[in-house]
Amino acid sequence: MKNSGAPPPTLSYKDAGVDIDAGEELVDNIKPMARRTMRPEVLGGIGGFGALVEVSKRFRNPVMVAGTDGVGTKLKLAFELGRHDTIGVDLVAMSVNDILVLGAEPIFFLDYYVCERLDVAVATEVIKGIAHGCELAGCALIGGETAEHPNAFPRHEYDLAGFAVGLVEKDEIIDGRTIAPGDVVLALASSGPHSNGYSLIRKILEVSGTSLHEEFADGRTLGDALLEPTRIYVKTVLALLHEMPVKGIAHITGGGITENLPRILPEGCAATVSTVSWKLPAVFHWLQDRGGVAGEEMFRTFNCGVGMVIVIAPEHLNAALTFLRAAGESAWKLGAIEPADGTAPHVRYV
């Protein structure tokens, strides 16, 4: 076959679905947001191949603590409602709250944003939320990665992942090993379902045929209640640690109180949780009623209004509650530590 002599087609990365100019525009949008989160330990800014962070001289014998997570299918509700300004707070919260339970102060955070085709306006809203979450946690947003996956990802959707690194003094690590029968368990209120259980939430919405625009409470819609961002407990709990000894902390995420509280209990210890010590928030009442979800399933799927628990010696109970409430947290005595019936730590609801 003879060569037609026609020049070969000229292709660009944009023709393949990746817009470098849009990516550069997003980086420019991010820079002022990231600057607001900076800490003295950060050397340099956004845009390099890597980020330099020195270890603060405030620490005598620092240990690094790292945590990573995503937001899960809560993203599907954000897509449906076209609201992207708070989902980044959820992303930060899930990691910084996790490393907080060891007593760590979050130092920096990085994110990963992947989509089919980059919408700069949407991505800017998401990262604005990430930066706000970092401000709430007192950690620096030092960088991240934005990726376009043409024809390999749902159109008009994105996914998020992130990780946080913090520091704690080696002799101040909180690992639960000193927890003993007689200690008390305190609860810090959640702001809603946080970022867990949304596969069940979406199933309840589907089966019940309920719209996210349905009027819910306090002038809000159901969508407002379900998109309420995860509460970040970092500053309050770190301040508490400077006031009194804390034996254990658990972040109540997927698995609820049932699965997460035993993770910090030493062998021979169990926890008793008083179900009358707090009122189940309205959003969880709605989920239970519309979904016909059994009580046991509620407690092992959702946080049910308890976002974090703290275990302390009984003599510190009143001081701890006074401190937490003065700091703006809704806090109460949730239960107590008792001898375990067997060898496996567990939770008993009374």
Protein backbone atom coordinates (compact mmCIF):
# COMPACT_ATOMS: atom_id res chain seq x y z
CA MET A 1 0.00 0.00 0.00
CA LYS A 2 1.35 3.38 -0.97
CA ASN A 3 1.92 6.06 1.64
CA SER A 4 -0.71 8.76 1.13
CA GLY A 5 1.78 11.41 2.11
CA ALA A 6 -0.62 12.87 4.69
CA PRO A 7 1.12 14.09 7.85
CA PRO A 8 0.47 12.04 11.00
CA PRO A 9 -2.10 13.51 13.41
CA THR A 10 -0.78 15.87 16.05
CA LEU A 11 -1.91 14.80 19.50
CA SER A 12 -1.53 16.43 22.89
CA TYR A 13 -1.98 15.29 26.48
CA LYS A 14 -5.21 17.33 26.53
CA ASP A 15 -6.51 15.30 23.57
CA ALA A 16 -5.97 12.22 25.75
CA GLY A 17 -8.06 13.76 28.52
CA VAL A 18 -5.44 15.33 30.80
CA ASP A 19 -5.45 19.13 31.07
CA ILE A 20 -2.07 20.35 32.34
CA ASP A 21 -3.21 23.98 32.31
CA ALA A 22 -6.18 23.15 34.56
CA GLY A 23 -3.82 21.38 36.95
CA GLU A 24 -1.56 24.42 37.13
CA GLU A 25 -4.57 26.66 37.75
CA LEU A 26 -5.61 24.43 40.65
CA VAL A 27 -2.12 24.60 42.18
CA ASP A 28 -2.26 28.40 42.01
CA ASN A 29 -5.65 28.31 43.76
CA ILE A 30 -4.32 26.02 46.49
CA LYS A 31 -1.21 28.00 47.42
CA PRO A 32 -2.91 30.77 49.48
CA MET A 33 -5.07 28.17 51.27
CA ALA A 34 -2.02 26.11 52.18
CA ARG A 35 -0.12 29.18 53.39
CA ARG A 36 -2.78 29.76 56.05
CA THR A 37 -2.03 26.32 57.53
CA MET A 38 1.75 26.64 57.73
CA ARG A 39 3.69 25.74 60.86
CA PRO A 40 7.25 26.83 61.75
CA GLU A 41 8.53 23.29 61.08
CA VAL A 42 7.64 23.48 57.36
CA LEU A 43 10.51 24.56 55.10
CA GLY A 44 9.24 25.81 51.74
CA GLY A 45 5.79 25.77 50.18
CA ILE A 46 3.47 23.97 47.78
CA GLY A 47 4.70 22.95 44.33
CA GLY A 48 7.98 21.08 44.84
CA PHE A 49 8.68 17.41 44.27
CA GLY A 50 8.61 16.89 48.01
CA ALA A 51 7.93 18.88 51.15
CA LEU A 52 10.54 19.53 53.82
CA VAL A 53 9.48 19.42 57.46
CA GLU A 54 11.90 19.54 60.36
CA VAL A 55 11.22 18.01 63.76
CA SER A 56 10.23 20.68 66.25
CA LYS A 57 12.77 21.40 68.97
CA ARG A 58 9.89 21.33 71.48
CA PHE A 59 10.09 17.53 71.51
CA ARG A 60 12.69 15.79 73.66
CA ASN A 61 12.34 12.25 72.30
CA PRO A 62 9.76 12.40 69.51
CA VAL A 63 8.02 9.43 67.93
CA MET A 64 6.27 9.81 64.58
CA VAL A 65 2.64 8.69 64.37
CA ALA A 66 1.02 8.29 60.94
CA GLY A 67 -2.56 7.71 59.86
CA THR A 68 -4.32 7.47 56.50
CA ASP A 69 -7.95 7.29 55.41
CA GLY A 70 -10.53 8.40 52.88
CA VAL A 71 -14.11 9.63 53.06
CA GLY A 72 -15.90 6.58 51.68
CA THR A 73 -19.30 6.73 50.04
CA LYS A 74 -20.24 9.95 51.82
CA LEU A 75 -18.81 11.37 48.60
CA LYS A 76 -21.86 10.06 46.72
CA LEU A 77 -24.10 12.42 48.71
CA ALA A 78 -21.77 15.33 47.94
CA PHE A 79 -22.03 14.52 44.23
CA GLU A 80 -25.81 14.28 44.36
CA LEU A 81 -26.16 17.60 46.18
CA GLY A 82 -23.37 19.34 44.28
CA ARG A 83 -21.77 20.41 47.56
CA HIS A 84 -18.03 20.03 47.87
CA ASP A 85 -17.00 22.62 50.48
CA THR A 86 -16.94 20.43 53.61
CA ILE A 87 -15.96 16.96 52.39
CA GLY A 88 -12.30 17.96 52.73
CA VAL A 89 -12.83 18.56 56.45
CA ASP A 90 -13.99 14.94 56.70
CA LEU A 91 -10.83 13.77 54.95
CA VAL A 92 -8.53 15.55 57.40
CA ALA A 93 -10.61 14.60 60.42
CA MET A 94 -10.46 10.87 59.80
CA SER A 95 -6.66 10.84 59.91
CA VAL A 96 -5.89 13.47 62.55
CA ASN A 97 -8.46 12.06 64.98
CA ASP A 98 -6.91 8.61 64.51
CA ILE A 99 -3.37 9.69 65.40
CA LEU A 100 -4.68 11.85 68.23
CA VAL A 101 -5.71 8.75 70.18
CA LEU A 102 -2.01 7.99 70.72
CA GLY A 103 -1.47 11.48 72.09
CA ALA A 104 0.11 12.75 68.87
CA GLU A 105 0.04 16.35 67.73
CA PRO A 106 -0.62 16.40 63.95
CA ILE A 107 2.21 18.21 62.19
CA PHE A 108 1.39 17.88 58.48
CA PHE A 109 -1.16 16.48 56.05
CA LEU A 110 -1.10 15.46 52.38
CA ASP A 111 -4.03 14.62 50.13
CA TYR A 112 -4.68 12.65 46.93
CA TYR A 113 -7.49 13.82 44.61
CA VAL A 114 -8.34 11.67 41.58
CA CYS A 115 -10.99 12.30 38.95
CA GLU A 116 -11.94 11.46 35.37
CA ARG A 117 -11.55 15.06 34.18
CA LEU A 118 -10.45 17.94 36.38
CA ASP A 119 -13.08 20.54 37.22
CA VAL A 120 -10.98 23.31 38.75
CA ALA A 121 -13.92 24.96 40.54
CA VAL A 122 -15.00 21.70 42.21
CA ALA A 123 -11.45 20.68 43.13
CA THR A 124 -10.79 24.13 44.60
CA GLU A 125 -13.86 23.79 46.84
CA VAL A 126 -12.71 20.35 48.00
CA ILE A 127 -9.19 21.52 48.81
CA LYS A 128 -10.54 24.63 50.52
CA GLY A 129 -12.26 22.20 52.89
CA ILE A 130 -9.04 20.24 53.35
CA ALA A 131 -7.19 23.44 54.25
CA HIS A 132 -9.92 24.40 56.71
CA GLY A 133 -9.69 20.97 58.32
CA CYS A 134 -5.94 21.42 58.68
CA GLU A 135 -6.51 24.79 60.37
CA LEU A 136 -8.96 23.18 62.79
CA ALA A 137 -6.38 20.49 63.59
CA GLY A 138 -3.43 22.86 63.75
CA CYS A 139 -1.47 20.93 61.12
CA ALA A 140 0.10 22.12 57.89
CA LEU A 141 -1.17 21.20 54.43
CA ILE A 142 2.21 20.67 52.80
CA GLY A 143 1.21 19.20 49.44
CA GLY A 144 -0.72 16.49 47.67
CA GLU A 145 -1.43 14.94 44.30
CA THR A 146 -4.14 15.63 41.76
CA ALA A 147 -4.67 13.00 39.06
CA GLU A 148 -6.91 12.78 36.01
CA HIS A 149 -7.83 9.27 34.84
CA PRO A 150 -9.55 9.70 31.47
CA ASN A 151 -12.08 6.97 30.63
CA ALA A 152 -11.07 5.09 33.75
CA PHE A 153 -13.16 6.87 36.37
CA PRO A 154 -16.84 7.89 36.65
CA ARG A 155 -17.54 11.21 34.89
CA HIS A 156 -18.13 14.20 37.20
CA GLU A 157 -16.94 12.24 40.25
CA TYR A 158 -13.72 12.14 42.23
CA ASP A 159 -12.19 10.17 45.07
CA LEU A 160 -10.11 11.34 48.00
CA ALA A 161 -7.43 9.92 50.24
CA GLY A 162 -5.06 11.56 52.64
CA PHE A 163 -2.63 10.99 55.45
CA ALA A 164 -1.41 12.83 58.50
CA VAL A 165 1.86 12.59 60.40
CA GLY A 166 2.18 13.73 63.99
CA LEU A 167 4.63 13.63 66.85
CA VAL A 168 4.36 12.46 70.44
CA GLU A 169 6.95 12.21 73.20
CA LYS A 170 7.97 8.58 73.56
CA ASP A 171 7.24 8.53 77.27
CA GLU A 172 3.81 10.16 76.74
CA ILE A 173 2.35 7.73 74.19
CA ILE A 174 -1.23 6.80 75.10
CA ASP A 175 -1.73 3.12 74.39
CA GLY A 176 -4.31 1.99 76.95
CA ARG A 177 -2.00 -0.39 78.78
CA THR A 178 -2.66 1.27 82.18
CA ILE A 179 -6.47 1.04 81.87
CA ALA A 180 -7.88 -0.96 84.78
CA PRO A 181 -11.26 -1.89 86.29
CA GLY A 182 -12.72 1.12 88.09
CA ASP A 183 -11.63 3.66 85.49
CA VAL A 184 -14.32 5.79 83.87
CA VAL A 185 -15.17 6.30 80.20
CA LEU A 186 -16.03 9.79 78.95
CA ALA A 187 -17.77 10.58 75.67
CA LEU A 188 -17.25 13.51 73.32
CA ALA A 189 -20.27 14.17 71.11
CA SER A 190 -20.08 13.63 67.37
CA SER A 191 -21.44 16.10 64.84
CA GLY A 192 -23.41 13.38 63.03
CA PRO A 193 -22.49 10.11 61.30
CA HIS A 194 -19.07 11.64 60.53
CA SER A 195 -17.67 9.57 57.62
CA ASN A 196 -18.79 6.06 58.47
CA GLY A 197 -21.77 3.89 57.68
CA TYR A 198 -22.69 5.72 54.48
CA SER A 199 -23.20 2.56 52.46
CA LEU A 200 -26.01 1.69 54.89
CA ILE A 201 -27.23 5.30 54.90
CA ARG A 202 -27.46 5.29 51.12
CA LYS A 203 -29.31 1.97 51.22
CA ILE A 204 -31.80 3.44 53.71
CA LEU A 205 -32.33 6.43 51.41
CA GLU A 206 -32.87 4.11 48.46
CA VAL A 207 -35.27 1.72 50.20
CA SER A 208 -37.28 4.49 51.86
CA GLY A 209 -37.38 6.61 48.71
CA THR A 210 -36.40 9.67 50.71
CA SER A 211 -35.00 12.81 49.08
CA LEU A 212 -31.93 14.51 50.49
CA HIS A 213 -33.88 17.76 50.09
CA GLU A 214 -36.53 16.64 52.60
CA GLU A 215 -36.96 19.07 55.49
CA PHE A 216 -35.30 17.60 58.54
CA ALA A 217 -34.79 19.77 61.66
CA ASP A 218 -33.70 23.25 62.71
CA GLY A 219 -34.38 24.58 59.22
CA ARG A 220 -31.98 22.10 57.68
CA THR A 221 -32.58 19.45 55.07
CA LEU A 222 -31.76 15.79 55.48
CA GLY A 223 -28.83 16.34 53.12
CA ASP A 224 -27.51 19.08 55.41
CA ALA A 225 -27.60 16.70 58.38
CA LEU A 226 -25.93 13.85 56.51
CA LEU A 227 -23.17 16.06 55.04
CA GLU A 228 -22.33 17.69 58.38
CA PRO A 229 -18.52 17.40 58.52
CA THR A 230 -16.69 15.18 60.97
CA ARG A 231 -15.77 16.92 64.21
CA ILE A 232 -12.05 17.45 64.75
CA TYR A 233 -11.11 16.95 68.41
CA VAL A 234 -7.38 17.66 68.19
CA LYS A 235 -6.97 21.01 69.93
CA THR A 236 -9.34 20.23 72.81
CA VAL A 237 -7.90 16.79 73.55
CA LEU A 238 -4.27 17.92 73.29
CA ALA A 239 -5.08 20.69 75.77
CA LEU A 240 -6.69 18.13 78.10
CA LEU A 241 -3.53 16.00 77.98
CA HIS A 242 -1.57 18.94 79.38
CA GLU A 243 -4.00 19.21 82.30
CA MET A 244 -4.31 15.63 83.55
CA PRO A 245 -3.27 12.04 82.88
CA VAL A 246 -5.35 10.19 80.27
CA LYS A 247 -5.18 6.39 80.08
CA GLY A 248 -6.79 5.71 76.73
CA ILE A 249 -8.56 7.36 73.79
CA ALA A 250 -10.66 5.73 71.06
CA HIS A 251 -11.88 7.35 67.85
CA ILE A 252 -15.38 6.01 67.17
CA THR A 253 -15.38 5.30 63.44
CA GLY A 254 -16.53 2.30 61.38
CA GLY A 255 -17.65 -0.39 63.79
CA GLY A 256 -19.05 2.13 66.25
CA ILE A 257 -18.48 1.94 69.99
CA THR A 258 -18.84 -1.85 69.84
CA GLU A 259 -15.72 -2.38 67.73
CA ASN A 260 -13.56 0.65 68.54
CA LEU A 261 -13.61 0.93 72.33
CA PRO A 262 -12.24 -2.63 72.83
CA ARG A 263 -9.25 -1.76 70.61
CA ILE A 264 -7.69 0.21 73.49
CA LEU A 265 -8.60 -2.14 76.35
CA PRO A 266 -5.91 -4.41 77.81
CA GLU A 267 -6.59 -8.08 78.39
CA GLY A 268 -8.85 -8.68 81.37
CA CYS A 269 -10.77 -5.43 80.91
CA ALA A 270 -14.22 -4.75 79.47
CA ALA A 271 -16.31 -1.61 79.19
CA THR A 272 -19.85 -0.98 80.38
CA VAL A 273 -21.67 1.70 78.37
CA SER A 274 -24.79 3.35 79.76
CA THR A 275 -27.26 3.83 76.90
CA VAL A 276 -29.30 6.24 79.04
CA SER A 277 -26.36 8.58 79.59
CA TRP A 278 -27.08 10.45 76.35
CA LYS A 279 -29.93 11.11 73.97
CA LEU A 280 -29.59 9.57 70.51
CA PRO A 281 -29.30 12.52 68.08
CA ALA A 282 -32.16 13.06 65.64
CA VAL A 283 -30.25 11.94 62.56
CA PHE A 284 -29.63 8.50 64.11
CA HIS A 285 -33.28 8.23 65.18
CA TRP A 286 -34.21 8.91 61.56
CA LEU A 287 -31.81 6.27 60.24
CA GLN A 288 -33.03 3.67 62.70
CA ASP A 289 -36.70 4.36 62.08
CA ARG A 290 -36.58 4.65 58.27
CA GLY A 291 -34.19 1.75 57.88
CA GLY A 292 -35.61 -0.54 60.53
CA VAL A 293 -32.08 -0.97 61.86
CA ALA A 294 -31.79 -3.02 65.07
CA GLY A 295 -30.17 -1.39 68.11
CA GLU A 296 -27.20 -3.75 68.07
CA GLU A 297 -26.59 -3.02 64.40
CA MET A 298 -26.81 0.73 65.05
CA PHE A 299 -24.07 0.56 67.69
CA ARG A 300 -21.70 -1.46 65.52
CA THR A 301 -22.24 0.60 62.36
CA PHE A 302 -22.65 4.23 63.46
CA ASN A 303 -21.08 6.34 66.18
CA CYS A 304 -24.65 7.06 67.44
CA GLY A 305 -23.62 10.50 68.69
CA VAL A 306 -20.30 9.54 70.31
CA GLY A 307 -17.32 10.67 68.24
CA MET A 308 -14.52 9.95 70.67
CA VAL A 309 -14.13 8.30 74.08
CA ILE A 310 -11.54 9.00 76.76
CA VAL A 311 -10.63 6.69 79.64
CA ILE A 312 -9.38 8.29 82.86
CA ALA A 313 -9.02 7.45 86.53
CA PRO A 314 -12.23 8.21 88.50
CA GLU A 315 -10.62 10.96 90.59
CA HIS A 316 -10.19 13.06 87.42
CA LEU A 317 -13.82 12.74 86.24
CA ASN A 318 -15.22 16.08 87.39
CA ALA A 319 -12.14 18.08 86.37
CA ALA A 320 -12.09 16.47 82.94
CA LEU A 321 -15.77 17.13 82.28
CA THR A 322 -15.42 20.73 83.43
CA PHE A 323 -12.41 21.27 81.18
CA LEU A 324 -13.97 19.67 78.10
CA ARG A 325 -17.24 21.56 78.44
CA ALA A 326 -15.42 24.86 78.94
CA ALA A 327 -13.54 24.11 75.71
CA GLY A 328 -16.83 23.83 73.83
CA GLU A 329 -17.25 20.05 73.74
CA SER A 330 -20.43 18.24 74.67
CA ALA A 331 -18.99 15.70 77.11
CA TRP A 332 -20.43 13.26 79.64
CA LYS A 333 -19.68 10.09 81.59
CA LEU A 334 -20.43 7.26 79.17
CA GLY A 335 -19.58 4.27 81.33
CA ALA A 336 -16.89 2.44 83.25
CA ILE A 337 -14.19 -0.18 82.95
CA GLU A 338 -14.87 -3.52 84.64
CA PRO A 339 -13.21 -6.95 84.74
CA ALA A 340 -13.78 -8.92 81.54
CA ASP A 341 -15.87 -12.07 81.69
CA GLY A 342 -13.40 -13.83 79.41
CA THR A 343 -10.08 -12.95 77.84
CA ALA A 344 -11.34 -10.80 74.94
CA PRO A 345 -12.08 -7.13 75.66
CA HIS A 346 -15.66 -6.24 74.89
CA VAL A 347 -18.42 -3.66 75.42
CA ARG A 348 -21.58 -4.34 77.41
CA TYR A 349 -24.54 -1.97 76.97
CA VAL A 350 -26.75 -1.34 80.00
